[in-house]
Each structure stands twice: as structure tokens, then as C-alpha cells.
């Protein structure tokens, strides 16, 4: 969490420096990055309640926004975070999404899928789409939470 907080602070400081340059575009406050109306994120190919075999490939779907690596600002863009066995309500919407091994996974290079070797049993999966500083857009762009069983 300290790493993410430090990253957000550095991104904010960099935005102030760049914004002060004469012809530089103003970067948004990372706490107030708007999401376009109708933007949505979803898990492709896996249905709620499905039983699967490990490893599990999870593909990230997105409509109304674009994918961009963390740390790089372009309007109406962001990157994916996969929440495993947790809910988006556990996140602080004003802070960078924490990187928690096995629970809150970051895809800050712009990845749009992952293959995970989940242990046998039930697991919930939910996507959260965040801005250049790992902070949820306003309003938040999150997927429906699904439950899968790994056999």
C-alpha cells in the first residue's frame, strides 16, 4: 500500500510540474478522473457459477474506454485490476488500489487477460478499472462479481 501511495503522490507531483510548463496539457487530479457515461468492464468467457479446470484464463472486456499503461495519462483510459475472493467495496475509492498477492492483482502494463493457477474450490472474480494512478474512476467502472469453482 505504501508503494501505491508513493506512486500516486509522485504522479500527482509530476502532474503539477508538467501542468506548469507553458504548452503542456493539464493532467487531471488522480482523485477526480471521470469515466465516460456508459463505460463498463466485464469478464469474458467465464459465466457465473461455472466449474472450470486450472489453470483458468480470464479475459478482460471493456466498452466505452481505452486501455493505457499505469503512469501514462490519456483521457478516458485506464488499466485493469482483478479482485480475487474480495469485493470492490473493500477498496478505498480515494486511494490507489493496493497490490495484494493472490487477492488484488494489477495489470498496469495494459494486459487484457491472465491465466491463473487458482487452487481447487470456489472463487469470486471481479474487475476494477482504474486510472493512471491506480485510483478508481468517478463513477467507478467495475464488473459484476462472478463465482467459479475450480475442480
Protein backbone atom coordinates (compact mmCIF):
# COMPACT_ATOMS: atom_id res chain seq x y z
CA UNK A 1 0.00 0.00 0.00
CA UNK A 2 2.93 2.33 0.73
CA UNK A 3 4.24 1.65 -2.78
CA UNK A 4 0.87 2.58 -4.32
CA UNK A 5 0.50 5.68 -2.15
CA UNK A 6 4.02 6.78 -3.09
CA UNK A 7 3.23 6.17 -6.77
CA UNK A 8 0.06 8.27 -6.55
CA UNK A 9 1.95 11.09 -4.79
CA UNK A 10 4.70 11.05 -7.43
CA UNK A 11 2.11 11.01 -10.22
CA UNK A 12 0.35 13.99 -8.64
CA UNK A 13 3.63 15.93 -8.22
CA UNK A 14 4.58 15.12 -11.82
CA UNK A 15 1.19 16.42 -12.98
CA UNK A 16 1.81 19.73 -11.18
CA UNK A 17 5.26 20.10 -12.76
CA UNK A 18 4.01 19.25 -16.23
CA UNK A 19 0.95 21.47 -15.86
CA UNK A 20 3.18 24.41 -15.02
CA UNK A 21 5.05 24.10 -18.31
CA UNK A 22 3.80 26.70 -20.80
CA UNK A 23 2.39 24.43 -23.53
CA UNK A 24 1.90 21.22 -21.52
CA UNK A 25 -1.59 19.81 -21.17
CA UNK A 26 -3.05 19.88 -17.68
CA UNK A 27 -3.26 16.46 -16.10
CA UNK A 28 -6.33 15.70 -14.02
CA UNK A 29 -6.32 15.27 -10.30
CA UNK A 30 -5.98 11.47 -9.97
CA UNK A 31 -8.74 11.53 -7.34
CA UNK A 32 -11.23 13.01 -9.80
CA UNK A 33 -10.70 11.19 -13.10
CA UNK A 34 -14.17 10.91 -14.67
CA UNK A 35 -15.39 7.83 -16.52
CA UNK A 36 -17.48 8.31 -19.65
CA UNK A 37 -21.20 7.66 -19.39
CA UNK A 38 -21.94 4.03 -20.20
CA UNK A 39 -18.36 2.80 -19.70
CA UNK A 40 -18.23 -0.75 -18.46
CA UNK A 41 -15.82 -3.58 -17.74
CA UNK A 42 -16.67 -7.27 -17.72
CA UNK A 43 -15.18 -10.75 -17.56
CA UNK A 44 -15.34 -12.51 -20.93
CA UNK A 45 -15.86 -16.23 -21.44
CA UNK A 46 -16.49 -17.24 -17.83
CA UNK A 47 -20.04 -17.49 -16.60
CA UNK A 48 -21.17 -17.06 -13.03
CA UNK A 49 -21.46 -20.48 -11.38
CA UNK A 50 -19.26 -22.25 -13.95
CA UNK A 51 -16.96 -25.14 -12.96
CA UNK A 52 -13.52 -24.98 -14.61
CA UNK A 53 -10.16 -26.74 -14.51
CA UNK A 54 -6.93 -24.99 -13.52
CA UNK A 55 -5.20 -23.08 -14.91
CA UNK A 56 -8.00 -20.57 -15.59
CA UNK A 57 -7.73 -17.96 -18.35
CA UNK A 58 -9.60 -14.76 -17.53
CA UNK A 59 -10.15 -12.27 -20.37
CA UNK A 60 -10.98 -8.66 -19.55
CA UNK A 61 -13.66 -6.90 -21.60
CA UNK A 62 -14.08 -3.13 -21.80
CA UNK A 63 -16.56 -0.79 -23.52
CA UNK A 64 -16.55 2.99 -23.70
CA UNK A 65 -12.93 3.46 -22.57
CA UNK A 66 -9.43 2.52 -23.69
CA UNK A 67 -6.61 0.59 -22.07
CA UNK A 68 -3.42 2.51 -21.25
CA UNK A 69 -0.46 1.52 -19.03
CA UNK A 70 -0.32 2.77 -15.45
CA UNK A 71 1.53 6.05 -15.05
CA UNK A 72 0.51 7.28 -18.53
CA UNK A 73 -2.45 9.64 -18.78
CA UNK A 74 -4.75 9.75 -21.76
CA UNK A 75 -8.39 10.87 -21.39
CA UNK A 76 -10.96 8.09 -20.90
CA UNK A 77 -8.35 5.38 -20.33
CA UNK A 78 -7.08 3.20 -17.54
CA UNK A 79 -5.93 -0.32 -16.74
CA UNK A 80 -7.40 -3.47 -15.23
CA UNK A 81 -7.26 -4.86 -11.70
CA UNK A 82 -8.60 -8.32 -10.88
CA UNK A 83 -10.09 -8.84 -7.44
CA UNK A 84 -9.95 -12.50 -6.38
CA UNK A 85 -12.12 -13.52 -3.43
CA UNK A 86 -12.78 -9.91 -2.45
CA UNK A 87 -15.27 -7.19 -3.30
CA UNK A 88 -14.71 -3.72 -4.74
CA UNK A 89 -16.49 -2.33 -1.66
CA UNK A 90 -13.36 -3.30 0.32
CA UNK A 91 -11.35 -0.69 -1.62
CA UNK A 92 -10.92 2.95 -0.61
CA UNK A 93 -12.14 4.81 -3.71
CA UNK A 94 -9.86 7.77 -2.91
CA UNK A 95 -6.67 5.72 -2.68
CA UNK A 96 -4.66 3.68 -5.20
CA UNK A 97 -5.85 0.10 -5.42
CA UNK A 98 -3.47 -1.91 -3.23
CA UNK A 99 -1.41 -4.71 -4.71
CA UNK A 100 -2.19 -7.78 -2.65
CA UNK A 101 -0.62 -11.02 -3.90
CA UNK A 102 -3.28 -13.53 -4.87
CA UNK A 103 -6.15 -11.20 -3.95
CA UNK A 104 -5.86 -7.84 -5.75
CA UNK A 105 -3.92 -8.22 -8.99
CA UNK A 106 -2.66 -5.27 -11.08
CA UNK A 107 -2.35 -5.27 -14.85
CA UNK A 108 -0.62 -1.91 -15.21
CA UNK A 109 1.15 -2.77 -18.46
CA UNK A 110 -2.21 -2.76 -20.22
CA UNK A 111 -2.80 -6.52 -20.17
CA UNK A 112 -6.26 -7.69 -21.19
CA UNK A 113 -6.11 -11.29 -19.96
CA UNK A 114 -4.36 -13.53 -17.45
CA UNK A 115 -4.01 -17.25 -16.81
CA UNK A 116 -4.09 -18.11 -13.10
CA UNK A 117 -3.44 -21.39 -11.34
CA UNK A 118 -6.22 -20.99 -8.79
CA UNK A 119 -6.48 -23.66 -6.08
CA UNK A 120 -9.40 -26.09 -6.09
CA UNK A 121 -12.61 -24.70 -4.67
CA UNK A 122 -14.94 -21.71 -5.10
CA UNK A 123 -13.54 -18.31 -6.05
CA UNK A 124 -15.09 -14.92 -6.77
CA UNK A 125 -13.70 -12.73 -9.55
CA UNK A 126 -14.39 -9.04 -10.15
CA UNK A 127 -12.67 -6.48 -12.38
CA UNK A 128 -11.98 -2.90 -11.34
CA UNK A 129 -10.80 -0.42 -13.98
CA UNK A 130 -8.57 2.34 -12.62
CA UNK A 131 -6.81 5.46 -13.87
CA UNK A 132 -3.10 6.16 -14.44
CA UNK A 133 -2.53 6.35 -10.66
CA UNK A 134 -4.39 3.09 -9.82
CA UNK A 135 -7.40 5.06 -8.48
CA UNK A 136 -10.96 4.16 -9.47
CA UNK A 137 -12.63 6.50 -11.95
CA UNK A 138 -15.70 8.53 -10.93
CA UNK A 139 -18.13 6.82 -11.20
CA UNK A 140 -16.25 3.57 -10.66
CA UNK A 141 -16.04 1.17 -13.60
CA UNK A 142 -16.31 -2.31 -12.09
CA UNK A 143 -17.62 -5.63 -13.33
CA UNK A 144 -20.31 -7.82 -11.91
CA UNK A 145 -18.74 -10.24 -9.43
CA UNK A 146 -18.84 -13.85 -10.59
CA UNK A 147 -18.25 -17.10 -8.71
CA UNK A 148 -16.43 -20.03 -10.32
CA UNK A 149 -15.49 -23.43 -8.97
CA UNK A 150 -12.06 -24.88 -9.81
CA UNK A 151 -12.02 -28.68 -9.81
